[in-house]
Amino acid sequence: MDANEILDYCLSKKGVTETFPFDNETLVMKVGTKMFLLMPLEKQPLSINVKTEPEWSAELREQHPQITGAFHMNKTHWNSVLTDGLKRDLIFKLIDQSYELVFNSLTKKAREEIVNG
């Protein structure tokens, strides 16, 4: 899986924008005004940071050495994911859950604007 596949997948979701708020190398995907995925474009192997339910985070970290607590982020909720060696379906599922968690944390008005927008 490469960065373009992840970018295209994220952009296919409603209300998603791509930004570079930190530097010119770290792509941040947002739904509404909130981040749901970070991807350092210069780093190899490719990795992403995504938000997950805390219980699932613990399971994922036990089952996959490629998944760890995200550096500089709340490790209870955010994971760093090295994509090498992980199934495409799992990566998409991680992105889906991150998007849903962040989307659901938006105000009702913001969610309605995205859905109807």
PDB file of N, CA and C in Angstrom:
ATOM      1  N   MET A   1       0.853  -1.175   0.000  1.00  0.00           N
ATOM      2  CA  MET A   1       0.000   0.000   0.000  1.00  0.00           C
ATOM      3  C   MET A   1       0.895   1.231   0.000  1.00  0.00           C
ATOM      4  N   ASP A   2       0.523   2.225  -0.809  1.00  0.00           N
ATOM      5  CA  ASP A   2       1.339   3.436  -0.845  1.00  0.00           C
ATOM      6  C   ASP A   2       0.533   4.653  -0.379  1.00  0.00           C
ATOM      7  N   ALA A   3       1.226   5.767  -0.246  1.00  0.00           N
ATOM      8  CA  ALA A   3       0.617   6.990   0.276  1.00  0.00           C
ATOM      9  C   ALA A   3      -0.552   7.460  -0.588  1.00  0.00           C
ATOM     10  N   ASN A   4      -0.438   7.301  -1.900  1.00  0.00           N
ATOM     11  CA  ASN A   4      -1.524   7.746  -2.785  1.00  0.00           C
ATOM     12  C   ASN A   4      -2.805   6.950  -2.577  1.00  0.00           C
ATOM     13  N   GLU A   5      -2.670   5.652  -2.331  1.00  0.00           N
ATOM     14  CA  GLU A   5      -3.863   4.830  -2.070  1.00  0.00           C
ATOM     15  C   GLU A   5      -4.554   5.285  -0.791  1.00  0.00           C
ATOM     16  N   ILE A   6      -3.766   5.574   0.237  1.00  0.00           N
ATOM     17  CA  ILE A   6      -4.334   6.035   1.501  1.00  0.00           C
ATOM     18  C   ILE A   6      -4.977   7.402   1.314  1.00  0.00           C
ATOM     19  N   LEU A   7      -4.300   8.293   0.618  1.00  0.00           N
ATOM     20  CA  LEU A   7      -4.841   9.624   0.355  1.00  0.00           C
ATOM     21  C   LEU A   7      -6.158   9.532  -0.409  1.00  0.00           C
ATOM     22  N   ASP A   8      -6.194   8.753  -1.474  1.00  0.00           N
ATOM     23  CA  ASP A   8      -7.422   8.600  -2.258  1.00  0.00           C
ATOM     24  C   ASP A   8      -8.555   8.022  -1.426  1.00  0.00           C
ATOM     25  N   TYR A   9      -8.235   7.037  -0.595  1.00  0.00           N
ATOM     26  CA  TYR A   9      -9.257   6.423   0.246  1.00  0.00           C
ATOM     27  C   TYR A   9      -9.840   7.452   1.212  1.00  0.00           C
ATOM     28  N   CYS A  10      -8.965   8.225   1.849  1.00  0.00           N
ATOM     29  CA  CYS A  10      -9.430   9.249   2.787  1.00  0.00           C
ATOM     30  C   CYS A  10     -10.279  10.302   2.094  1.00  0.00           C
ATOM     31  N   LEU A  11      -9.832  10.757   0.931  1.00  0.00           N
ATOM     32  CA  LEU A  11     -10.548  11.814   0.215  1.00  0.00           C
ATOM     33  C   LEU A  11     -11.891  11.345  -0.345  1.00  0.00           C
ATOM     34  N   SER A  12     -12.105  10.038  -0.396  1.00  0.00           N
ATOM     35  CA  SER A  12     -13.393   9.521  -0.872  1.00  0.00           C
ATOM     36  C   SER A  12     -14.478   9.652   0.197  1.00  0.00           C
ATOM     37  N   LYS A  13     -14.092   9.995   1.406  1.00  0.00           N
ATOM     38  CA  LYS A  13     -15.048  10.136   2.501  1.00  0.00           C
ATOM     39  C   LYS A  13     -15.593  11.565   2.549  1.00  0.00           C
ATOM     40  N   LYS A  14     -16.815  11.711   3.035  1.00  0.00           N
ATOM     41  CA  LYS A  14     -17.467  13.023   3.081  1.00  0.00           C
ATOM     42  C   LYS A  14     -16.756  13.977   4.045  1.00  0.00           C
ATOM     43  N   GLY A  15     -16.601  15.229   3.595  1.00  0.00           N
ATOM     44  CA  GLY A  15     -16.098  16.292   4.454  1.00  0.00           C
ATOM     45  C   GLY A  15     -14.610  16.260   4.735  1.00  0.00           C
ATOM     46  N   VAL A  16     -13.843  15.475   3.974  1.00  0.00           N
ATOM     47  CA  VAL A  16     -12.412  15.318   4.249  1.00  0.00           C
ATOM     48  C   VAL A  16     -11.596  16.349   3.475  1.00  0.00           C
ATOM     49  N   THR A  17     -10.617  16.924   4.173  1.00  0.00           N
ATOM     50  CA  THR A  17      -9.660  17.836   3.552  1.00  0.00           C
ATOM     51  C   THR A  17      -8.258  17.393   3.927  1.00  0.00           C
ATOM     52  N   GLU A  18      -7.301  17.753   3.070  1.00  0.00           N
ATOM     53  CA  GLU A  18      -5.903  17.456   3.350  1.00  0.00           C
ATOM     54  C   GLU A  18      -5.194  18.762   3.674  1.00  0.00           C
ATOM     55  N   THR A  19      -4.355  18.741   4.711  1.00  0.00           N
ATOM     56  CA  THR A  19      -3.647  19.934   5.143  1.00  0.00           C
ATOM     57  C   THR A  19      -2.221  19.579   5.541  1.00  0.00           C
ATOM     58  N   PHE A  20      -1.407  20.605   5.693  1.00  0.00           N
ATOM     59  CA  PHE A  20      -0.037  20.474   6.185  1.00  0.00           C
ATOM     60  C   PHE A  20       0.168  21.513   7.293  1.00  0.00           C
ATOM     61  N   PRO A  21      -0.500  21.356   8.448  1.00  0.00           N
ATOM     62  CA  PRO A  21      -0.421  22.387   9.488  1.00  0.00           C
ATOM     63  C   PRO A  21       0.899  22.412  10.268  1.00  0.00           C
ATOM     64  N   PHE A  22       1.646  21.328  10.247  1.00  0.00           N
ATOM     65  CA  PHE A  22       2.845  21.227  11.071  1.00  0.00           C
ATOM     66  C   PHE A  22       4.132  21.525  10.301  1.00  0.00           C
ATOM     67  N   ASP A  23       4.226  20.980   9.097  1.00  0.00           N
ATOM     68  CA  ASP A  23       5.410  21.133   8.262  1.00  0.00           C
ATOM     69  C   ASP A  23       5.038  20.724   6.840  1.00  0.00           C
ATOM     70  N   ASN A  24       6.003  20.699   5.946  1.00  0.00           N
ATOM     71  CA  ASN A  24       5.719  20.349   4.551  1.00  0.00           C
ATOM     72  C   ASN A  24       5.766  18.851   4.280  1.00  0.00           C
ATOM     73  N   GLU A  25       6.013  18.049   5.310  1.00  0.00           N
ATOM     74  CA  GLU A  25       6.168  16.612   5.122  1.00  0.00           C
ATOM     75  C   GLU A  25       5.059  15.785   5.770  1.00  0.00           C
ATOM     76  N   THR A  26       4.355  16.349   6.734  1.00  0.00           N
ATOM     77  CA  THR A  26       3.340  15.584   7.458  1.00  0.00           C
ATOM     78  C   THR A  26       1.952  15.956   6.962  1.00  0.00           C
ATOM     79  N   LEU A  27       1.378  15.053   6.177  1.00  0.00           N
ATOM     80  CA  LEU A  27       0.031  15.253   5.653  1.00  0.00           C
ATOM     81  C   LEU A  27      -0.974  14.940   6.761  1.00  0.00           C
ATOM     82  N   VAL A  28      -1.900  15.852   6.969  1.00  0.00           N
ATOM     83  CA  VAL A  28      -2.940  15.674   7.979  1.00  0.00           C
ATOM     84  C   VAL A  28      -4.288  15.665   7.274  1.00  0.00           C
ATOM     85  N   MET A  29      -5.025  14.600   7.487  1.00  0.00           N
ATOM     86  CA  MET A  29      -6.370  14.490   6.933  1.00  0.00           C
ATOM     87  C   MET A  29      -7.363  14.868   8.035  1.00  0.00           C
ATOM     88  N   LYS A  30      -8.297  15.740   7.665  1.00  0.00           N
ATOM     89  CA  LYS A  30      -9.295  16.209   8.625  1.00  0.00           C
ATOM     90  C   LYS A  30     -10.689  15.930   8.106  1.00  0.00           C
ATOM     91  N   VAL A  31     -11.586  15.695   9.059  1.00  0.00           N
ATOM     92  CA  VAL A  31     -13.008  15.701   8.751  1.00  0.00           C
ATOM     93  C   VAL A  31     -13.556  16.883   9.535  1.00  0.00           C
ATOM     94  N   GLY A  32     -14.207  17.774   8.833  1.00  0.00           N
ATOM     95  CA  GLY A  32     -14.570  19.035   9.470  1.00  0.00           C
ATOM     96  C   GLY A  32     -13.280  19.754   9.834  1.00  0.00           C
ATOM     97  N   THR A  33     -13.144  20.104  11.094  1.00  0.00           N
ATOM     98  CA  THR A  33     -11.939  20.813  11.541  1.00  0.00           C
ATOM     99  C   THR A  33     -11.010  19.933  12.362  1.00  0.00           C
ATOM    100  N   LYS A  34     -11.305  18.638  12.449  1.00  0.00           N
ATOM    101  CA  LYS A  34     -10.533  17.759  13.338  1.00  0.00           C
ATOM    102  C   LYS A  34      -9.745  16.702  12.567  1.00  0.00           C
ATOM    103  N   MET A  35      -8.532  16.416  13.070  1.00  0.00           N
ATOM    104  CA  MET A  35      -7.656  15.424  12.457  1.00  0.00           C
ATOM    105  C   MET A  35      -8.168  14.011  12.700  1.00  0.00           C
ATOM    106  N   PHE A  36      -8.064  13.177  11.657  1.00  0.00           N
ATOM    107  CA  PHE A  36      -8.334  11.758  11.868  1.00  0.00           C
ATOM    108  C   PHE A  36      -7.202  10.873  11.350  1.00  0.00           C
ATOM    109  N   LEU A  37      -6.244  11.461  10.611  1.00  0.00           N
ATOM    110  CA  LEU A  37      -5.111  10.683  10.111  1.00  0.00           C
ATOM    111  C   LEU A  37      -3.936  11.620   9.868  1.00  0.00           C
ATOM    112  N   LEU A  38      -2.758  11.170  10.267  1.00  0.00           N
ATOM    113  CA  LEU A  38      -1.515  11.871   9.959  1.00  0.00           C
ATOM    114  C   LEU A  38      -0.626  10.905   9.198  1.00  0.00           C
ATOM    115  N   MET A  39       0.100  11.430   8.203  1.00  0.00           N
ATOM    116  CA  MET A  39       0.962  10.571   7.407  1.00  0.00           C
ATOM    117  C   MET A  39       2.238  11.340   7.046  1.00  0.00           C
ATOM    118  N   PRO A  40       3.376  10.964   7.656  1.00  0.00           N
ATOM    119  CA  PRO A  40       4.636  11.599   7.266  1.00  0.00           C
ATOM    120  C   PRO A  40       5.076  11.070   5.896  1.00  0.00           C
ATOM    121  N   LEU A  41       5.061  11.933   4.900  1.00  0.00           N
ATOM    122  CA  LEU A  41       5.281  11.503   3.519  1.00  0.00           C
ATOM    123  C   LEU A  41       6.728  11.120   3.214  1.00  0.00           C
ATOM    124  N   GLU A  42       7.679  11.674   3.948  1.00  0.00           N
ATOM    125  CA  GLU A  42       9.088  11.395   3.680  1.00  0.00           C
ATOM    126  C   GLU A  42       9.592  10.147   4.404  1.00  0.00           C
ATOM    127  N   LYS A  43       8.841   9.663   5.355  1.00  0.00           N
ATOM    128  CA  LYS A  43       9.279   8.534   6.180  1.00  0.00           C
ATOM    129  C   LYS A  43       9.025   7.209   5.460  1.00  0.00           C
ATOM    130  N   GLN A  44      10.027   6.345   5.473  1.00  0.00           N
ATOM    131  CA  GLN A  44       9.891   4.997   4.917  1.00  0.00           C
ATOM    132  C   GLN A  44      10.337   3.997   5.976  1.00  0.00           C
ATOM    133  N   PRO A  45       9.663   2.902   6.199  1.00  0.00           N
ATOM    134  CA  PRO A  45       8.447   2.499   5.495  1.00  0.00           C
ATOM    135  C   PRO A  45       7.278   3.420   5.851  1.00  0.00           C
ATOM    136  N   LEU A  46       6.268   3.401   5.001  1.00  0.00           N
ATOM    137  CA  LEU A  46       5.102   4.255   5.163  1.00  0.00           C
ATOM    138  C   LEU A  46       4.409   3.959   6.488  1.00  0.00           C
ATOM    139  N   SER A  47       4.059   5.036   7.196  1.00  0.00           N
ATOM    140  CA  SER A  47       3.308   4.879   8.441  1.00  0.00           C
ATOM    141  C   SER A  47       2.204   5.923   8.488  1.00  0.00           C
ATOM    142  N   ILE A  48       1.189   5.618   9.270  1.00  0.00           N
ATOM    143  CA  ILE A  48       0.083   6.552   9.493  1.00  0.00           C
ATOM    144  C   ILE A  48      -0.225   6.570  10.982  1.00  0.00           C
ATOM    145  N   ASN A  49      -0.799   7.653  11.449  1.00  0.00           N
ATOM    146  CA  ASN A  49      -1.340   7.729  12.798  1.00  0.00           C
ATOM    147  C   ASN A  49      -2.853   7.817  12.667  1.00  0.00           C
ATOM    148  N   VAL A  50      -3.548   6.960  13.412  1.00  0.00           N
ATOM    149  CA  VAL A  50      -5.010   6.935  13.377  1.00  0.00           C
ATOM    150  C   VAL A  50      -5.556   6.793  14.792  1.00  0.00           C
ATOM    151  N   LYS A  51      -6.778   7.246  14.952  1.00  0.00           N
ATOM    152  CA  LYS A  51      -7.466   7.149  16.239  1.00  0.00           C
ATOM    153  C   LYS A  51      -8.262   5.840  16.265  1.00  0.00           C
ATOM    154  N   THR A  52      -8.222   5.144  17.412  1.00  0.00           N
ATOM    155  CA  THR A  52      -9.004   3.909  17.557  1.00  0.00           C
ATOM    156  C   THR A  52      -9.601   3.851  18.954  1.00  0.00           C
ATOM    157  N   GLU A  53     -10.607   3.011  19.099  1.00  0.00           N
ATOM    158  CA  GLU A  53     -11.186   2.761  20.421  1.00  0.00           C
ATOM    159  C   GLU A  53     -10.087   2.184  21.310  1.00  0.00           C
ATOM    160  N   PRO A  54      -9.976   2.634  22.566  1.00  0.00           N
ATOM    161  CA  PRO A  54      -8.894   2.165  23.437  1.00  0.00           C
ATOM    162  C   PRO A  54      -8.798   0.641  23.574  1.00  0.00           C
ATOM    163  N   GLU A  55      -9.940  -0.053  23.660  1.00  0.00           N
ATOM    164  CA  GLU A  55      -9.907  -1.507  23.814  1.00  0.00           C
ATOM    165  C   GLU A  55      -9.323  -2.161  22.566  1.00  0.00           C
ATOM    166  N   TRP A  56      -9.712  -1.660  21.414  1.00  0.00           N
ATOM    167  CA  TRP A  56      -9.203  -2.219  20.168  1.00  0.00           C
ATOM    168  C   TRP A  56      -7.721  -1.883  20.015  1.00  0.00           C
ATOM    169  N   SER A  57      -7.323  -0.701  20.445  1.00  0.00           N
ATOM    170  CA  SER A  57      -5.905  -0.320  20.384  1.00  0.00           C
ATOM    171  C   SER A  57      -5.046  -1.338  21.120  1.00  0.00           C
ATOM    172  N   ALA A  58      -5.481  -1.722  22.308  1.00  0.00           N
ATOM    173  CA  ALA A  58      -4.718  -2.691  23.104  1.00  0.00           C
ATOM    174  C   ALA A  58      -4.611  -4.026  22.367  1.00  0.00           C
ATOM    175  N   GLU A  59      -5.707  -4.486  21.801  1.00  0.00           N
ATOM    176  CA  GLU A  59      -5.689  -5.742  21.031  1.00  0.00           C
ATOM    177  C   GLU A  59      -4.746  -5.654  19.831  1.00  0.00           C
ATOM    178  N   LEU A  60      -4.877  -4.553  19.093  1.00  0.00           N
ATOM    179  CA  LEU A  60      -4.050  -4.376  17.898  1.00  0.00           C
ATOM    180  C   LEU A  60      -2.567  -4.398  18.233  1.00  0.00           C
ATOM    181  N   ARG A  61      -2.204  -3.723  19.313  1.00  0.00           N
ATOM    182  CA  ARG A  61      -0.798  -3.644  19.704  1.00  0.00           C
ATOM    183  C   ARG A  61      -0.256  -4.995  20.140  1.00  0.00           C
ATOM    184  N   GLU A  62      -1.118  -5.827  20.718  1.00  0.00           N
ATOM    185  CA  GLU A  62      -0.703  -7.180  21.102  1.00  0.00           C
ATOM    186  C   GLU A  62      -0.534  -8.080  19.873  1.00  0.00           C
ATOM    187  N   GLN A  63      -1.401  -7.917  18.897  1.00  0.00           N
ATOM    188  CA  GLN A  63      -1.426  -8.806  17.730  1.00  0.00           C
ATOM    189  C   GLN A  63      -0.456  -8.409  16.613  1.00  0.00           C
ATOM    190  N   HIS A  64      -0.125  -7.105  16.525  1.00  0.00           N
ATOM    191  CA  HIS A  64       0.666  -6.613  15.394  1.00  0.00           C
ATOM    192  C   HIS A  64       1.824  -5.744  15.882  1.00  0.00           C
ATOM    193  N   PRO A  65       3.052  -6.207  15.691  1.00  0.00           N
ATOM    194  CA  PRO A  65       4.195  -5.384  16.110  1.00  0.00           C
ATOM    195  C   PRO A  65       4.305  -4.073  15.329  1.00  0.00           C
ATOM    196  N   GLN A  66       3.620  -3.951  14.192  1.00  0.00           N
ATOM    197  CA  GLN A  66       3.642  -2.731  13.393  1.00  0.00           C
ATOM    198  C   GLN A  66       2.770  -1.624  13.988  1.00  0.00           C
ATOM    199  N   ILE A  67       1.979  -1.954  15.012  1.00  0.00           N
ATOM    200  CA  ILE A  67       1.051  -0.982  15.596  1.00  0.00           C
ATOM    201  C   ILE A  67       1.496  -0.666  17.022  1.00  0.00           C
ATOM    202  N   THR A  68       1.771   0.622  17.261  1.00  0.00           N
ATOM    203  CA  THR A  68       2.243   1.089  18.570  1.00  0.00           C
ATOM    204  C   THR A  68       1.524   2.385  18.931  1.00  0.00           C
ATOM    205  N   GLY A  69       1.685   2.815  20.166  1.00  0.00           N
ATOM    206  CA  GLY A  69       1.138   4.103  20.582  1.00  0.00           C
ATOM    207  C   GLY A  69       1.778   5.215  19.770  1.00  0.00           C
ATOM    208  N   ALA A  70       0.990   6.180  19.357  1.00  0.00           N
ATOM    209  CA  ALA A  70       1.479   7.243  18.472  1.00  0.00           C
ATOM    210  C   ALA A  70       2.355   8.236  19.237  1.00  0.00           C
ATOM    211  N   PHE A  71       3.506   8.520  18.670  1.00  0.00           N
ATOM    212  CA  PHE A  71       4.467   9.461  19.233  1.00  0.00           C
ATOM    213  C   PHE A  71       3.845  10.861  19.281  1.00  0.00           C
ATOM    214  N   HIS A  72       4.027  11.560  20.387  1.00  0.00           N
ATOM    215  CA  HIS A  72       3.519  12.928  20.589  1.00  0.00           C
ATOM    216  C   HIS A  72       1.997  13.024  20.572  1.00  0.00           C
ATOM    217  N   MET A  73       1.294  11.911  20.783  1.00  0.00           N
ATOM    218  CA  MET A  73      -0.161  11.946  20.789  1.00  0.00           C
ATOM    219  C   MET A  73      -0.649  11.106  21.968  1.00  0.00           C
ATOM    220  N   ASN A  74      -1.919  11.218  22.273  1.00  0.00           N
ATOM    221  CA  ASN A  74      -2.510  10.444  23.355  1.00  0.00           C
ATOM    222  C   ASN A  74      -2.487   8.967  22.959  1.00  0.00           C
ATOM    223  N   LYS A  75      -1.609   8.204  23.609  1.00  0.00           N
ATOM    224  CA  LYS A  75      -1.396   6.801  23.234  1.00  0.00           C
ATOM    225  C   LYS A  75      -2.573   5.894  23.581  1.00  0.00           C
ATOM    226  N   THR A  76      -3.498   6.374  24.384  1.00  0.00           N
ATOM    227  CA  THR A  76      -4.705   5.606  24.680  1.00  0.00           C
ATOM    228  C   THR A  76      -5.604   5.558  23.442  1.00  0.00           C
ATOM    229  N   HIS A  77      -5.615   6.645  22.688  1.00  0.00           N
ATOM    230  CA  HIS A  77      -6.545   6.765  21.569  1.00  0.00           C
ATOM    231  C   HIS A  77      -5.893   6.737  20.187  1.00  0.00           C
ATOM    232  N   TRP A  78      -4.602   7.041  20.108  1.00  0.00           N
ATOM    233  CA  TRP A  78      -3.930   7.161  18.809  1.00  0.00           C
ATOM    234  C   TRP A  78      -2.856   6.104  18.645  1.00  0.00           C
ATOM    235  N   ASN A  79      -2.805   5.511  17.439  1.00  0.00           N
ATOM    236  CA  ASN A  79      -1.816   4.495  17.102  1.00  0.00           C
ATOM    237  C   ASN A  79      -0.978   4.925  15.914  1.00  0.00           C
ATOM    238  N   SER A  80       0.297   4.572  15.959  1.00  0.00           N
ATOM    239  CA  SER A  80       1.166   4.649  14.786  1.00  0.00           C
ATOM    240  C   SER A  80       1.123   3.284  14.134  1.00  0.00           C
ATOM    241  N   VAL A  81       0.937   3.273  12.829  1.00  0.00           N
ATOM    242  CA  VAL A  81       0.771   2.031  12.090  1.00  0.00           C
ATOM    243  C   VAL A  81       1.778   1.994  10.942  1.00  0.00           C
ATOM    244  N   LEU A  82       2.731   1.065  11.024  1.00  0.00           N
ATOM    245  CA  LEU A  82       3.614   0.825   9.881  1.00  0.00           C
ATOM    246  C   LEU A  82       2.831  -0.071   8.931  1.00  0.00           C
ATOM    247  N   THR A  83       2.619   0.393   7.722  1.00  0.00           N
ATOM    248  CA  THR A  83       1.729  -0.339   6.814  1.00  0.00           C
ATOM    249  C   THR A  83       2.353  -1.611   6.246  1.00  0.00           C
ATOM    250  N   ASP A  84       3.680  -1.698   6.208  1.00  0.00           N
ATOM    251  CA  ASP A  84       4.340  -2.898   5.686  1.00  0.00           C
ATOM    252  C   ASP A  84       3.925  -4.134   6.475  1.00  0.00           C
ATOM    253  N   GLY A  85       3.461  -5.149   5.782  1.00  0.00           N
ATOM    254  CA  GLY A  85       3.121  -6.410   6.420  1.00  0.00           C
ATOM    255  C   GLY A  85       1.704  -6.489   6.956  1.00  0.00           C
ATOM    256  N   LEU A  86       0.956  -5.414   6.857  1.00  0.00           N
ATOM    257  CA  LEU A  86      -0.438  -5.446   7.308  1.00  0.00           C
ATOM    258  C   LEU A  86      -1.358  -5.593   6.100  1.00  0.00           C
ATOM    259  N   LYS A  87      -2.462  -6.294   6.316  1.00  0.00           N
ATOM    260  CA  LYS A  87      -3.429  -6.479   5.232  1.00  0.00           C
ATOM    261  C   LYS A  87      -4.116  -5.156   4.918  1.00  0.00           C
ATOM    262  N   ARG A  88      -4.363  -4.965   3.645  1.00  0.00           N
ATOM    263  CA  ARG A  88      -5.024  -3.757   3.144  1.00  0.00           C
ATOM    264  C   ARG A  88      -6.363  -3.534   3.855  1.00  0.00           C
ATOM    265  N   ASP A  89      -7.130  -4.608   4.055  1.00  0.00           N
ATOM    266  CA  ASP A  89      -8.432  -4.488   4.720  1.00  0.00           C
ATOM    267  C   ASP A  89      -8.293  -3.940   6.137  1.00  0.00           C
ATOM    268  N   LEU A  90      -7.255  -4.357   6.861  1.00  0.00           N
ATOM    269  CA  LEU A  90      -7.041  -3.867   8.214  1.00  0.00           C
ATOM    270  C   LEU A  90      -6.692  -2.379   8.187  1.00  0.00           C
ATOM    271  N   ILE A  91      -5.861  -1.970   7.255  1.00  0.00           N
ATOM    272  CA  ILE A  91      -5.492  -0.555   7.160  1.00  0.00           C
ATOM    273  C   ILE A  91      -6.728   0.288   6.866  1.00  0.00           C
ATOM    274  N   PHE A  92      -7.568  -0.156   5.939  1.00  0.00           N
ATOM    275  CA  PHE A  92      -8.796   0.571   5.633  1.00  0.00           C
ATOM    276  C   PHE A  92      -9.746   0.579   6.827  1.00  0.00           C
ATOM    277  N   LYS A  93      -9.812  -0.518   7.564  1.00  0.00           N
ATOM    278  CA  LYS A  93     -10.669  -0.577   8.751  1.00  0.00           C
ATOM    279  C   LYS A  93     -10.179   0.420   9.808  1.00  0.00           C
ATOM    280  N   LEU A  94      -8.860   0.523   9.973  1.00  0.00           N
ATOM    281  CA  LEU A  94      -8.294   1.492  10.920  1.00  0.00           C
ATOM    282  C   LEU A  94      -8.644   2.923  10.503  1.00  0.00           C
ATOM    283  N   ILE A  95      -8.526   3.209   9.213  1.00  0.00           N
ATOM    284  CA  ILE A  95      -8.864   4.539   8.705  1.00  0.00           C
ATOM    285  C   ILE A  95     -10.358   4.809   8.900  1.00  0.00           C
ATOM    286  N   ASP A  96     -11.187   3.816   8.603  1.00  0.00           N
ATOM    287  CA  ASP A  96     -12.641   3.970   8.771  1.00  0.00           C
ATOM    288  C   ASP A  96     -12.995   4.295  10.210  1.00  0.00           C
ATOM    289  N   GLN A  97     -12.407   3.542  11.162  1.00  0.00           N
ATOM    290  CA  GLN A  97     -12.752   3.796  12.559  1.00  0.00           C
ATOM    291  C   GLN A  97     -12.273   5.174  13.005  1.00  0.00           C
ATOM    292  N   SER A  98     -11.084   5.566  12.581  1.00  0.00           N
ATOM    293  CA  SER A  98     -10.572   6.881  12.947  1.00  0.00           C
ATOM    294  C   SER A  98     -11.506   7.972  12.424  1.00  0.00           C
ATOM    295  N   TYR A  99     -11.902   7.861  11.169  1.00  0.00           N
ATOM    296  CA  TYR A  99     -12.822   8.826  10.572  1.00  0.00           C
ATOM    297  C   TYR A  99     -14.127   8.876  11.368  1.00  0.00           C
ATOM    298  N   GLU A 100     -14.706   7.711  11.645  1.00  0.00           N
ATOM    299  CA  GLU A 100     -15.995   7.661  12.351  1.00  0.00           C
ATOM    300  C   GLU A 100     -15.901   8.253  13.761  1.00  0.00           C
ATOM    301  N   LEU A 101     -14.840   7.916  14.490  1.00  0.00           N
ATOM    302  CA  LEU A 101     -14.677   8.458  15.845  1.00  0.00           C
ATOM    303  C   LEU A 101     -14.594   9.975  15.820  1.00  0.00           C
ATOM    304  N   VAL A 102     -13.823  10.498  14.890  1.00  0.00           N
ATOM    305  CA  VAL A 102     -13.655  11.950  14.814  1.00  0.00           C
ATOM    306  C   VAL A 102     -14.929  12.608  14.280  1.00  0.00           C
ATOM    307  N   PHE A 103     -15.521  12.034  13.246  1.00  0.00           N
ATOM    308  CA  PHE A 103     -16.780  12.574  12.712  1.00  0.00           C
ATOM    309  C   PHE A 103     -17.839  12.649  13.815  1.00  0.00           C
ATOM    310  N   ASN A 104     -17.960  11.582  14.590  1.00  0.00           N
ATOM    311  CA  ASN A 104     -18.977  11.545  15.647  1.00  0.00           C
ATOM    312  C   ASN A 104     -18.683  12.511  16.787  1.00  0.00           C
ATOM    313  N   SER A 105     -17.447  12.987  16.895  1.00  0.00           N
ATOM    314  CA  SER A 105     -17.107  13.951  17.944  1.00  0.00           C
ATOM    315  C   SER A 105     -17.400  15.396  17.523  1.00  0.00           C
ATOM    316  N   LEU A 106     -17.728  15.592  16.252  1.00  0.00           N
ATOM    317  CA  LEU A 106     -18.075  16.930  15.776  1.00  0.00           C
ATOM    318  C   LEU A 106     -19.440  17.344  16.316  1.00  0.00           C
ATOM    319  N   THR A 107     -19.704  18.628  16.282  1.00  0.00           N
ATOM    320  CA  THR A 107     -21.019  19.093  16.719  1.00  0.00           C
ATOM    321  C   THR A 107     -22.083  18.567  15.754  1.00  0.00           C
ATOM    322  N   LYS A 108     -23.303  18.511  16.239  1.00  0.00           N
ATOM    323  CA  LYS A 108     -24.414  18.045  15.402  1.00  0.00           C
ATOM    324  C   LYS A 108     -24.517  18.908  14.142  1.00  0.00           C
ATOM    325  N   LYS A 109     -24.357  20.200  14.297  1.00  0.00           N
ATOM    326  CA  LYS A 109     -24.431  21.123  13.161  1.00  0.00           C
ATOM    327  C   LYS A 109     -23.337  20.812  12.130  1.00  0.00           C
ATOM    328  N   ALA A 110     -22.122  20.596  12.607  1.00  0.00           N
ATOM    329  CA  ALA A 110     -21.005  20.288  11.701  1.00  0.00           C
ATOM    330  C   ALA A 110     -21.234  18.962  10.982  1.00  0.00           C
ATOM    331  N   ARG A 111     -21.720  17.950  11.712  1.00  0.00           N
ATOM    332  CA  ARG A 111     -22.009  16.654  11.078  1.00  0.00           C
ATOM    333  C   ARG A 111     -23.077  16.805  10.000  1.00  0.00           C
ATOM    334  N   GLU A 112     -24.136  17.564  10.295  1.00  0.00           N
ATOM    335  CA  GLU A 112     -25.207  17.763   9.317  1.00  0.00           C
ATOM    336  C   GLU A 112     -24.707  18.491   8.080  1.00  0.00           C
ATOM    337  N   GLU A 113     -23.824  19.480   8.267  1.00  0.00           N
ATOM    338  CA  GLU A 113     -23.272  20.213   7.119  1.00  0.00           C
ATOM    339  C   GLU A 113     -22.455  19.282   6.223  1.00  0.00           C
ATOM    340  N   ILE A 114     -21.716  18.368   6.849  1.00  0.00           N
ATOM    341  CA  ILE A 114     -20.901  17.424   6.070  1.00  0.00           C
ATOM    342  C   ILE A 114     -21.808  16.434   5.321  1.00  0.00           C
ATOM    343  N   VAL A 115     -22.766  15.881   6.011  1.00  0.00           N
ATOM    344  CA  VAL A 115     -23.659  14.897   5.400  1.00  0.00           C
ATOM    345  C   VAL A 115     -24.479  15.517   4.272  1.00  0.00           C
ATOM    346  N   ASN A 116     -24.950  16.733   4.482  1.00  0.00           N
ATOM    347  CA  ASN A 116     -25.816  17.395   3.495  1.00  0.00           C
ATOM    348  C   ASN A 116     -25.039  18.240   2.499  1.00  0.00           C
ATOM    349  N   GLY A 117     -23.738  18.433   2.752  1.00  0.00           N
ATOM    350  CA  GLY A 117     -22.943  19.383   2.009  1.00  0.00           C
ATOM    351  C   GLY A 117     -22.554  19.027   0.664  1.00  0.00           C
TER     352      GLY A 117
END
